[in-house]
PDB file of N, CA and C in Angstrom:
ATOM      1  N   UNK A   1       0.839  -1.176   0.000  1.00  0.00           N
ATOM      2  CA  UNK A   1       0.000   0.000   0.000  1.00  0.00           C
ATOM      3  C   UNK A   1       0.894   1.254   0.000  1.00  0.00           C
ATOM      4  N   UNK A   2       0.611   2.155  -0.882  1.00  0.00           N
ATOM      5  CA  UNK A   2       1.408   3.381  -0.992  1.00  0.00           C
ATOM      6  C   UNK A   2       1.131   4.289   0.200  1.00  0.00           C
ATOM      7  N   UNK A   3       2.169   4.873   0.704  1.00  0.00           N
ATOM      8  CA  UNK A   3       2.045   5.779   1.838  1.00  0.00           C
ATOM      9  C   UNK A   3       1.784   7.181   1.303  1.00  0.00           C
ATOM     10  N   UNK A   4       0.750   7.828   1.793  1.00  0.00           N
ATOM     11  CA  UNK A   4       0.434   9.171   1.322  1.00  0.00           C
ATOM     12  C   UNK A   4       0.959  10.196   2.324  1.00  0.00           C
ATOM     13  N   UNK A   5       1.359  11.321   1.806  1.00  0.00           N
ATOM     14  CA  UNK A   5       1.865  12.405   2.634  1.00  0.00           C
ATOM     15  C   UNK A   5       0.716  13.316   3.016  1.00  0.00           C
ATOM     16  N   UNK A   6       0.625  13.647   4.282  1.00  0.00           N
ATOM     17  CA  UNK A   6      -0.424  14.546   4.752  1.00  0.00           C
ATOM     18  C   UNK A   6      -0.184  15.938   4.173  1.00  0.00           C
ATOM     19  N   UNK A   7      -1.217  16.506   3.629  1.00  0.00           N
ATOM     20  CA  UNK A   7      -1.099  17.844   3.065  1.00  0.00           C
ATOM     21  C   UNK A   7      -0.984  18.876   4.179  1.00  0.00           C
ATOM     22  N   UNK A   8      -0.122  19.822   3.971  1.00  0.00           N
ATOM     23  CA  UNK A   8       0.118  20.882   4.940  1.00  0.00           C
ATOM     24  C   UNK A   8      -0.827  22.043   4.656  1.00  0.00           C
ATOM     25  N   UNK A   9      -1.487  22.561   5.690  1.00  0.00           N
ATOM     26  CA  UNK A   9      -2.346  23.722   5.505  1.00  0.00           C
ATOM     27  C   UNK A   9      -1.478  24.972   5.363  1.00  0.00           C
ATOM     28  N   UNK A  10      -2.080  26.037   4.894  1.00  0.00           N
ATOM     29  CA  UNK A  10      -1.366  27.310   4.746  1.00  0.00           C
ATOM     30  C   UNK A  10      -0.819  27.765   6.098  1.00  0.00           C
ATOM     31  N   UNK A  11      -1.642  27.701   7.150  1.00  0.00           N
ATOM     32  CA  UNK A  11      -1.208  28.125   8.483  1.00  0.00           C
ATOM     33  C   UNK A  11      -0.054  27.265   8.999  1.00  0.00           C
ATOM     34  N   UNK A  12      -0.096  25.967   8.722  1.00  0.00           N
ATOM     35  CA  UNK A  12       0.996  25.079   9.124  1.00  0.00           C
ATOM     36  C   UNK A  12       2.282  25.428   8.369  1.00  0.00           C
ATOM     37  N   UNK A  13       2.142  25.754   7.095  1.00  0.00           N
ATOM     38  CA  UNK A  13       3.305  26.129   6.299  1.00  0.00           C
ATOM     39  C   UNK A  13       3.932  27.411   6.850  1.00  0.00           C
ATOM     40  N   UNK A  14       3.103  28.407   7.169  1.00  0.00           N
ATOM     41  CA  UNK A  14       3.603  29.673   7.717  1.00  0.00           C
ATOM     42  C   UNK A  14       4.324  29.420   9.038  1.00  0.00           C
ATOM     43  N   UNK A  15       3.738  28.584   9.897  1.00  0.00           N
ATOM     44  CA  UNK A  15       4.366  28.260  11.186  1.00  0.00           C
ATOM     45  C   UNK A  15       5.712  27.563  10.970  1.00  0.00           C
ATOM     46  N   UNK A  16       5.772  26.657   9.995  1.00  0.00           N
ATOM     47  CA  UNK A  16       7.026  25.955   9.699  1.00  0.00           C
ATOM     48  C   UNK A  16       8.083  26.938   9.186  1.00  0.00           C
ATOM     49  N   UNK A  17       7.685  27.842   8.277  1.00  0.00           N
ATOM     50  CA  UNK A  17       8.636  28.830   7.766  1.00  0.00           C
ATOM     51  C   UNK A  17       9.146  29.725   8.895  1.00  0.00           C
ATOM     52  N   UNK A  18       8.263  30.146   9.794  1.00  0.00           N
ATOM     53  CA  UNK A  18       8.679  30.982  10.928  1.00  0.00           C
ATOM     54  C   UNK A  18       9.728  30.254  11.759  1.00  0.00           C
ATOM     55  N   UNK A  19       9.474  28.990  12.060  1.00  0.00           N
ATOM     56  CA  UNK A  19      10.400  28.186  12.867  1.00  0.00           C
ATOM     57  C   UNK A  19      11.721  27.983  12.121  1.00  0.00           C
ATOM     58  N   UNK A  20      11.630  27.615  10.846  1.00  0.00           N
ATOM     59  CA  UNK A  20      12.830  27.325  10.064  1.00  0.00           C
ATOM     60  C   UNK A  20      13.686  28.564   9.819  1.00  0.00           C
ATOM     61  N   UNK A  21      13.058  29.734   9.701  1.00  0.00           N
ATOM     62  CA  UNK A  21      13.821  30.963   9.478  1.00  0.00           C
ATOM     63  C   UNK A  21      14.588  31.394  10.727  1.00  0.00           C
ATOM     64  N   UNK A  22      14.046  31.125  11.902  1.00  0.00           N
ATOM     65  CA  UNK A  22      14.714  31.532  13.145  1.00  0.00           C
ATOM     66  C   UNK A  22      14.940  33.038  13.157  1.00  0.00           C
ATOM     67  N   UNK A  23      16.158  33.443  13.486  1.00  0.00           N
ATOM     68  CA  UNK A  23      16.492  34.874  13.547  1.00  0.00           C
ATOM     69  C   UNK A  23      16.458  35.541  12.168  1.00  0.00           C
ATOM     70  N   UNK A  24      16.589  34.755  11.116  1.00  0.00           N
ATOM     71  CA  UNK A  24      16.558  35.321   9.768  1.00  0.00           C
ATOM     72  C   UNK A  24      15.193  35.887   9.401  1.00  0.00           C
ATOM     73  N   UNK A  25      14.197  35.630  10.226  1.00  0.00           N
ATOM     74  CA  UNK A  25      12.853  36.150   9.951  1.00  0.00           C
ATOM     75  C   UNK A  25      12.848  37.680   9.958  1.00  0.00           C
ATOM     76  N   UNK A  26      13.825  38.287  10.634  1.00  0.00           N
ATOM     77  CA  UNK A  26      13.896  39.749  10.723  1.00  0.00           C
ATOM     78  C   UNK A  26      14.678  40.374   9.569  1.00  0.00           C
ATOM     79  N   UNK A  27      15.207  39.550   8.674  1.00  0.00           N
ATOM     80  CA  UNK A  27      15.969  40.060   7.533  1.00  0.00           C
ATOM     81  C   UNK A  27      15.069  40.914   6.635  1.00  0.00           C
ATOM     82  N   UNK A  28      15.638  41.981   6.126  1.00  0.00           N
ATOM     83  CA  UNK A  28      14.934  42.865   5.201  1.00  0.00           C
ATOM     84  C   UNK A  28      15.263  42.441   3.778  1.00  0.00           C
ATOM     85  N   UNK A  29      14.262  42.419   2.941  1.00  0.00           N
ATOM     86  CA  UNK A  29      14.478  42.132   1.528  1.00  0.00           C
ATOM     87  C   UNK A  29      13.933  43.290   0.705  1.00  0.00           C
ATOM     88  N   UNK A  30      14.479  43.442  -0.464  1.00  0.00           N
ATOM     89  CA  UNK A  30      13.975  44.417  -1.421  1.00  0.00           C
ATOM     90  C   UNK A  30      13.714  43.671  -2.710  1.00  0.00           C
ATOM     91  N   UNK A  31      12.489  43.795  -3.193  1.00  0.00           N
ATOM     92  CA  UNK A  31      12.130  43.175  -4.455  1.00  0.00           C
ATOM     93  C   UNK A  31      11.870  44.233  -5.500  1.00  0.00           C
ATOM     94  N   UNK A  32      12.030  43.868  -6.725  1.00  0.00           N
ATOM     95  CA  UNK A  32      11.729  44.780  -7.835  1.00  0.00           C
ATOM     96  C   UNK A  32      10.563  44.171  -8.591  1.00  0.00           C
ATOM     97  N   UNK A  33       9.513  44.947  -8.771  1.00  0.00           N
ATOM     98  CA  UNK A  33       8.346  44.469  -9.498  1.00  0.00           C
ATOM     99  C   UNK A  33       8.765  43.998 -10.891  1.00  0.00           C
ATOM    100  N   UNK A  34       8.171  42.897 -11.315  1.00  0.00           N
ATOM    101  CA  UNK A  34       8.507  42.381 -12.641  1.00  0.00           C
ATOM    102  C   UNK A  34       8.059  43.332 -13.740  1.00  0.00           C
ATOM    103  N   UNK A  35       7.142  44.228 -13.407  1.00  0.00           N
ATOM    104  CA  UNK A  35       6.817  45.327 -14.323  1.00  0.00           C
ATOM    105  C   UNK A  35       7.783  46.452 -13.977  1.00  0.00           C
ATOM    106  N   UNK A  36       8.830  46.593 -14.731  1.00  0.00           N
ATOM    107  CA  UNK A  36       9.946  47.472 -14.421  1.00  0.00           C
ATOM    108  C   UNK A  36       9.592  48.877 -13.985  1.00  0.00           C
ATOM    109  N   UNK A  37       8.502  49.438 -14.496  1.00  0.00           N
ATOM    110  CA  UNK A  37       8.173  50.820 -14.165  1.00  0.00           C
ATOM    111  C   UNK A  37       7.515  50.969 -12.799  1.00  0.00           C
ATOM    112  N   UNK A  38       7.230  49.858 -12.111  1.00  0.00           N
ATOM    113  CA  UNK A  38       6.608  49.942 -10.793  1.00  0.00           C
ATOM    114  C   UNK A  38       7.622  50.126  -9.675  1.00  0.00           C
ATOM    115  N   UNK A  39       8.868  49.862  -9.928  1.00  0.00           N
ATOM    116  CA  UNK A  39       9.898  50.094  -8.924  1.00  0.00           C
ATOM    117  C   UNK A  39      10.078  48.953  -7.942  1.00  0.00           C
ATOM    118  N   UNK A  40      10.495  49.308  -6.716  1.00  0.00           N
ATOM    119  CA  UNK A  40      10.868  48.323  -5.711  1.00  0.00           C
ATOM    120  C   UNK A  40       9.869  48.289  -4.567  1.00  0.00           C
ATOM    121  N   UNK A  41       9.880  47.158  -3.837  1.00  0.00           N
ATOM    122  CA  UNK A  41       9.124  47.032  -2.596  1.00  0.00           C
ATOM    123  C   UNK A  41      10.032  46.385  -1.567  1.00  0.00           C
ATOM    124  N   UNK A  42       9.916  46.834  -0.312  1.00  0.00           N
ATOM    125  CA  UNK A  42      10.802  46.380   0.748  1.00  0.00           C
ATOM    126  C   UNK A  42       9.971  45.964   1.956  1.00  0.00           C
ATOM    127  N   UNK A  43      10.398  44.897   2.614  1.00  0.00           N
ATOM    128  CA  UNK A  43       9.753  44.434   3.844  1.00  0.00           C
ATOM    129  C   UNK A  43      10.718  43.497   4.558  1.00  0.00           C
ATOM    130  N   UNK A  44      10.226  42.851   5.598  1.00  0.00           N
ATOM    131  CA  UNK A  44      10.972  41.790   6.270  1.00  0.00           C
ATOM    132  C   UNK A  44      10.233  40.488   5.997  1.00  0.00           C
ATOM    133  N   UNK A  45      10.929  39.364   6.178  1.00  0.00           N
ATOM    134  CA  UNK A  45      10.257  38.079   6.005  1.00  0.00           C
ATOM    135  C   UNK A  45       9.115  37.946   7.014  1.00  0.00           C
ATOM    136  N   UNK A  46       9.317  38.461   8.219  1.00  0.00           N
ATOM    137  CA  UNK A  46       8.274  38.411   9.236  1.00  0.00           C
ATOM    138  C   UNK A  46       7.030  39.176   8.775  1.00  0.00           C
ATOM    139  N   UNK A  47       7.256  40.378   8.244  1.00  0.00           N
ATOM    140  CA  UNK A  47       6.141  41.172   7.740  1.00  0.00           C
ATOM    141  C   UNK A  47       5.431  40.471   6.599  1.00  0.00           C
ATOM    142  N   UNK A  48       6.192  39.852   5.720  1.00  0.00           N
ATOM    143  CA  UNK A  48       5.603  39.140   4.585  1.00  0.00           C
ATOM    144  C   UNK A  48       4.781  37.951   5.058  1.00  0.00           C
ATOM    145  N   UNK A  49       5.298  37.199   6.041  1.00  0.00           N
ATOM    146  CA  UNK A  49       4.556  36.037   6.539  1.00  0.00           C
ATOM    147  C   UNK A  49       3.288  36.462   7.277  1.00  0.00           C
ATOM    148  N   UNK A  50       3.309  37.655   7.884  1.00  0.00           N
ATOM    149  CA  UNK A  50       2.103  38.180   8.535  1.00  0.00           C
ATOM    150  C   UNK A  50       1.057  38.607   7.514  1.00  0.00           C
ATOM    151  N   UNK A  51       1.527  39.182   6.416  1.00  0.00           N
ATOM    152  CA  UNK A  51       0.626  39.705   5.396  1.00  0.00           C
ATOM    153  C   UNK A  51       1.355  39.704   4.057  1.00  0.00           C
ATOM    154  N   UNK A  52       1.258  38.599   3.310  1.00  0.00           N
ATOM    155  CA  UNK A  52       2.027  38.494   2.064  1.00  0.00           C
ATOM    156  C   UNK A  52       1.576  39.495   0.999  1.00  0.00           C
ATOM    157  N   UNK A  53       2.327  40.563   0.893  1.00  0.00           N
ATOM    158  CA  UNK A  53       2.054  41.542  -0.154  1.00  0.00           C
ATOM    159  C   UNK A  53       3.321  41.750  -0.956  1.00  0.00           C
ATOM    160  N   UNK A  54       3.168  42.294  -2.110  1.00  0.00           N
ATOM    161  CA  UNK A  54       4.316  42.549  -2.969  1.00  0.00           C
ATOM    162  C   UNK A  54       4.321  43.991  -3.408  1.00  0.00           C
ATOM    163  N   UNK A  55       4.019  44.194  -4.663  1.00  0.00           N
ATOM    164  CA  UNK A  55       4.105  45.521  -5.269  1.00  0.00           C
ATOM    165  C   UNK A  55       2.830  46.324  -5.011  1.00  0.00           C
ATOM    166  N   UNK A  56       2.978  47.456  -4.345  1.00  0.00           N
ATOM    167  CA  UNK A  56       1.823  48.314  -4.057  1.00  0.00           C
ATOM    168  C   UNK A  56       1.198  48.869  -5.333  1.00  0.00           C
ATOM    169  N   UNK A  57       2.015  49.170  -6.331  1.00  0.00           N
ATOM    170  CA  UNK A  57       1.485  49.712  -7.585  1.00  0.00           C
ATOM    171  C   UNK A  57       0.583  48.690  -8.277  1.00  0.00           C
ATOM    172  N   UNK A  58       1.022  47.429  -8.295  1.00  0.00           N
ATOM    173  CA  UNK A  58       0.184  46.374  -8.899  1.00  0.00           C
ATOM    174  C   UNK A  58      -1.149  46.279  -8.176  1.00  0.00           C
ATOM    175  N   UNK A  59      -1.098  46.339  -6.856  1.00  0.00           N
ATOM    176  CA  UNK A  59      -2.322  46.213  -6.074  1.00  0.00           C
ATOM    177  C   UNK A  59      -3.244  47.404  -6.280  1.00  0.00           C
ATOM    178  N   UNK A  60      -2.672  48.618  -6.334  1.00  0.00           N
ATOM    179  CA  UNK A  60      -3.485  49.817  -6.582  1.00  0.00           C
ATOM    180  C   UNK A  60      -4.180  49.757  -7.935  1.00  0.00           C
ATOM    181  N   UNK A  61      -3.506  49.130  -8.906  1.00  0.00           N
ATOM    182  CA  UNK A  61      -4.076  49.038 -10.247  1.00  0.00           C
ATOM    183  C   UNK A  61      -5.006  47.834 -10.394  1.00  0.00           C
ATOM    184  N   UNK A  62      -5.239  47.118  -9.270  1.00  0.00           N
ATOM    185  CA  UNK A  62      -6.167  45.993  -9.301  1.00  0.00           C
ATOM    186  C   UNK A  62      -5.565  44.710  -9.854  1.00  0.00           C
ATOM    187  N   UNK A  63      -4.255  44.653  -9.950  1.00  0.00           N
ATOM    188  CA  UNK A  63      -3.598  43.461 -10.498  1.00  0.00           C
ATOM    189  C   UNK A  63      -3.175  42.538  -9.362  1.00  0.00           C
ATOM    190  N   UNK A  64      -4.142  42.169  -8.515  1.00  0.00           N
ATOM    191  CA  UNK A  64      -3.857  41.365  -7.334  1.00  0.00           C
ATOM    192  C   UNK A  64      -3.326  39.990  -7.734  1.00  0.00           C
ATOM    193  N   UNK A  65      -3.961  39.344  -8.694  1.00  0.00           N
ATOM    194  CA  UNK A  65      -3.530  38.012  -9.113  1.00  0.00           C
ATOM    195  C   UNK A  65      -2.137  38.074  -9.715  1.00  0.00           C
ATOM    196  N   UNK A  66      -1.881  39.072 -10.533  1.00  0.00           N
ATOM    197  CA  UNK A  66      -0.568  39.258 -11.143  1.00  0.00           C
ATOM    198  C   UNK A  66       0.494  39.375 -10.052  1.00  0.00           C
ATOM    199  N   UNK A  67       0.232  40.249  -9.073  1.00  0.00           N
ATOM    200  CA  UNK A  67       1.172  40.486  -7.986  1.00  0.00           C
ATOM    201  C   UNK A  67       1.426  39.197  -7.210  1.00  0.00           C
ATOM    202  N   UNK A  68       0.359  38.472  -6.884  1.00  0.00           N
ATOM    203  CA  UNK A  68       0.500  37.225  -6.126  1.00  0.00           C
ATOM    204  C   UNK A  68       1.293  36.194  -6.917  1.00  0.00           C
ATOM    205  N   UNK A  69       0.996  36.066  -8.194  1.00  0.00           N
ATOM    206  CA  UNK A  69       1.639  35.043  -9.011  1.00  0.00           C
ATOM    207  C   UNK A  69       3.105  35.337  -9.296  1.00  0.00           C
ATOM    208  N   UNK A  70       3.459  36.584  -9.496  1.00  0.00           N
ATOM    209  CA  UNK A  70       4.826  36.904  -9.898  1.00  0.00           C
ATOM    210  C   UNK A  70       5.658  37.528  -8.780  1.00  0.00           C
ATOM    211  N   UNK A  71       5.221  38.654  -8.241  1.00  0.00           N
ATOM    212  CA  UNK A  71       6.029  39.368  -7.257  1.00  0.00           C
ATOM    213  C   UNK A  71       6.125  38.619  -5.930  1.00  0.00           C
ATOM    214  N   UNK A  72       4.994  38.115  -5.438  1.00  0.00           N
ATOM    215  CA  UNK A  72       5.032  37.386  -4.173  1.00  0.00           C
ATOM    216  C   UNK A  72       5.782  36.071  -4.327  1.00  0.00           C
ATOM    217  N   UNK A  73       5.710  35.465  -5.490  1.00  0.00           N
ATOM    218  CA  UNK A  73       6.429  34.208  -5.729  1.00  0.00           C
ATOM    219  C   UNK A  73       7.930  34.402  -5.544  1.00  0.00           C
ATOM    220  N   UNK A  74       8.440  35.576  -5.896  1.00  0.00           N
ATOM    221  CA  UNK A  74       9.861  35.860  -5.710  1.00  0.00           C
ATOM    222  C   UNK A  74      10.240  35.844  -4.231  1.00  0.00           C
ATOM    223  N   UNK A  75       9.358  36.373  -3.376  1.00  0.00           N
ATOM    224  CA  UNK A  75       9.637  36.405  -1.941  1.00  0.00           C
ATOM    225  C   UNK A  75       9.541  34.996  -1.356  1.00  0.00           C
ATOM    226  N   UNK A  76       8.528  34.227  -1.783  1.00  0.00           N
ATOM    227  CA  UNK A  76       8.424  32.837  -1.305  1.00  0.00           C
ATOM    228  C   UNK A  76       9.687  32.059  -1.654  1.00  0.00           C
ATOM    229  N   UNK A  77      10.197  32.248  -2.859  1.00  0.00           N
ATOM    230  CA  UNK A  77      11.421  31.557  -3.268  1.00  0.00           C
ATOM    231  C   UNK A  77      12.615  32.016  -2.442  1.00  0.00           C
ATOM    232  N   UNK A  78      12.670  33.300  -2.116  1.00  0.00           N
ATOM    233  CA  UNK A  78      13.763  33.814  -1.287  1.00  0.00           C
ATOM    234  C   UNK A  78      13.714  33.188   0.108  1.00  0.00           C
ATOM    235  N   UNK A  79      12.518  33.050   0.676  1.00  0.00           N
ATOM    236  CA  UNK A  79      12.363  32.412   1.984  1.00  0.00           C
ATOM    237  C   UNK A  79      12.861  30.974   1.918  1.00  0.00           C
ATOM    238  N   UNK A  80      12.448  30.259   0.883  1.00  0.00           N
ATOM    239  CA  UNK A  80      12.882  28.862   0.731  1.00  0.00           C
ATOM    240  C   UNK A  80      14.398  28.771   0.587  1.00  0.00           C
ATOM    241  N   UNK A  81      14.998  29.717  -0.128  1.00  0.00           N
ATOM    242  CA  UNK A  81      16.457  29.703  -0.321  1.00  0.00           C
ATOM    243  C   UNK A  81      17.179  29.967   0.993  1.00  0.00           C
ATOM    244  N   UNK A  82      16.699  30.926   1.786  1.00  0.00           N
ATOM    245  CA  UNK A  82      17.329  31.217   3.075  1.00  0.00           C
ATOM    246  C   UNK A  82      17.287  29.977   3.961  1.00  0.00           C
ATOM    247  N   UNK A  83      16.140  29.307   3.996  1.00  0.00           N
ATOM    248  CA  UNK A  83      15.999  28.088   4.807  1.00  0.00           C
ATOM    249  C   UNK A  83      16.919  26.992   4.282  1.00  0.00           C
ATOM    250  N   UNK A  84      16.976  26.815   2.972  1.00  0.00           N
ATOM    251  CA  UNK A  84      17.845  25.789   2.383  1.00  0.00           C
ATOM    252  C   UNK A  84      19.308  26.084   2.685  1.00  0.00           C
ATOM    253  N   UNK A  85      19.704  27.346   2.595  1.00  0.00           N
ATOM    254  CA  UNK A  85      21.093  27.719   2.884  1.00  0.00           C
ATOM    255  C   UNK A  85      21.436  27.468   4.352  1.00  0.00           C
ATOM    256  N   UNK A  86      20.451  27.694   5.250  1.00  0.00           N
ATOM    257  CA  UNK A  86      20.677  27.427   6.672  1.00  0.00           C
ATOM    258  C   UNK A  86      20.845  25.932   6.922  1.00  0.00           C
ATOM    259  N   UNK A  87      20.115  25.113   6.181  1.00  0.00           N
ATOM    260  CA  UNK A  87      20.145  23.670   6.381  1.00  0.00           C
ATOM    261  C   UNK A  87      21.291  22.995   5.643  1.00  0.00           C
ATOM    262  N   UNK A  88      21.919  23.694   4.718  1.00  0.00           N
ATOM    263  CA  UNK A  88      22.979  23.106   3.904  1.00  0.00           C
ATOM    264  C   UNK A  88      24.128  22.547   4.748  1.00  0.00           C
ATOM    265  N   UNK A  89      24.647  23.280   5.745  1.00  0.00           N
ATOM    266  CA  UNK A  89      25.730  22.706   6.551  1.00  0.00           C
ATOM    267  C   UNK A  89      25.302  21.425   7.279  1.00  0.00           C
ATOM    268  N   UNK A  90      24.053  21.352   7.713  1.00  0.00           N
ATOM    269  CA  UNK A  90      23.555  20.153   8.396  1.00  0.00           C
ATOM    270  C   UNK A  90      23.520  18.969   7.443  1.00  0.00           C
ATOM    271  N   UNK A  91      23.086  19.214   6.217  1.00  0.00           N
ATOM    272  CA  UNK A  91      23.016  18.150   5.217  1.00  0.00           C
ATOM    273  C   UNK A  91      24.415  17.670   4.857  1.00  0.00           C
ATOM    274  N   UNK A  92      25.345  18.612   4.653  1.00  0.00           N
ATOM    275  CA  UNK A  92      26.723  18.254   4.307  1.00  0.00           C
ATOM    276  C   UNK A  92      27.373  17.455   5.442  1.00  0.00           C
ATOM    277  N   UNK A  93      27.084  17.841   6.686  1.00  0.00           N
ATOM    278  CA  UNK A  93      27.640  17.116   7.827  1.00  0.00           C
ATOM    279  C   UNK A  93      27.081  15.706   7.893  1.00  0.00           C
ATOM    280  N   UNK A  94      25.775  15.570   7.661  1.00  0.00           N
ATOM    281  CA  UNK A  94      25.161  14.250   7.683  1.00  0.00           C
ATOM    282  C   UNK A  94      25.715  13.371   6.567  1.00  0.00           C
ATOM    283  N   UNK A  95      25.944  13.956   5.389  1.00  0.00           N
ATOM    284  CA  UNK A  95      26.495  13.200   4.269  1.00  0.00           C
ATOM    285  C   UNK A  95      27.925  12.770   4.561  1.00  0.00           C
ATOM    286  N   UNK A  96      28.716  13.621   5.206  1.00  0.00           N
ATOM    287  CA  UNK A  96      30.105  13.254   5.514  1.00  0.00           C
ATOM    288  C   UNK A  96      30.165  12.166   6.582  1.00  0.00           C
ATOM    289  N   UNK A  97      29.165  12.105   7.452  1.00  0.00           N
ATOM    290  CA  UNK A  97      29.106  11.063   8.470  1.00  0.00           C
ATOM    291  C   UNK A  97      28.779   9.703   7.882  1.00  0.00           C
ATOM    292  N   UNK A  98      28.096   9.683   6.748  1.00  0.00           N
ATOM    293  CA  UNK A  98      27.687   8.418   6.147  1.00  0.00           C
ATOM    294  C   UNK A  98      28.736   7.872   5.191  1.00  0.00           C
ATOM    295  N   UNK A  99      29.738   8.662   4.865  1.00  0.00           N
ATOM    296  CA  UNK A  99      30.769   8.221   3.910  1.00  0.00           C
ATOM    297  C   UNK A  99      31.838   7.426   4.613  1.00  0.00           C
TER     298      UNK A  99
END
């Protein structure tokens, strides 16, 4: 019988990201809207996890889906990269122990 993985809820994912980020949750990021003329947006990972927003210009123009799909996706990827980079030394250590 195939083992199925329990799906994670959005709230569970946010809680996991908060835990995995640790002190890095206070890091400030600056993103540039994929629509070049909209400029930059800046926040912290903590602020983003509290209220995931991206480009204010996109939102003012009613392009909520666009902003969520493109601009917010960049921040989600940055969060995942920070967590992966934090875990990299642990993975390398575990791999060296098995060799």
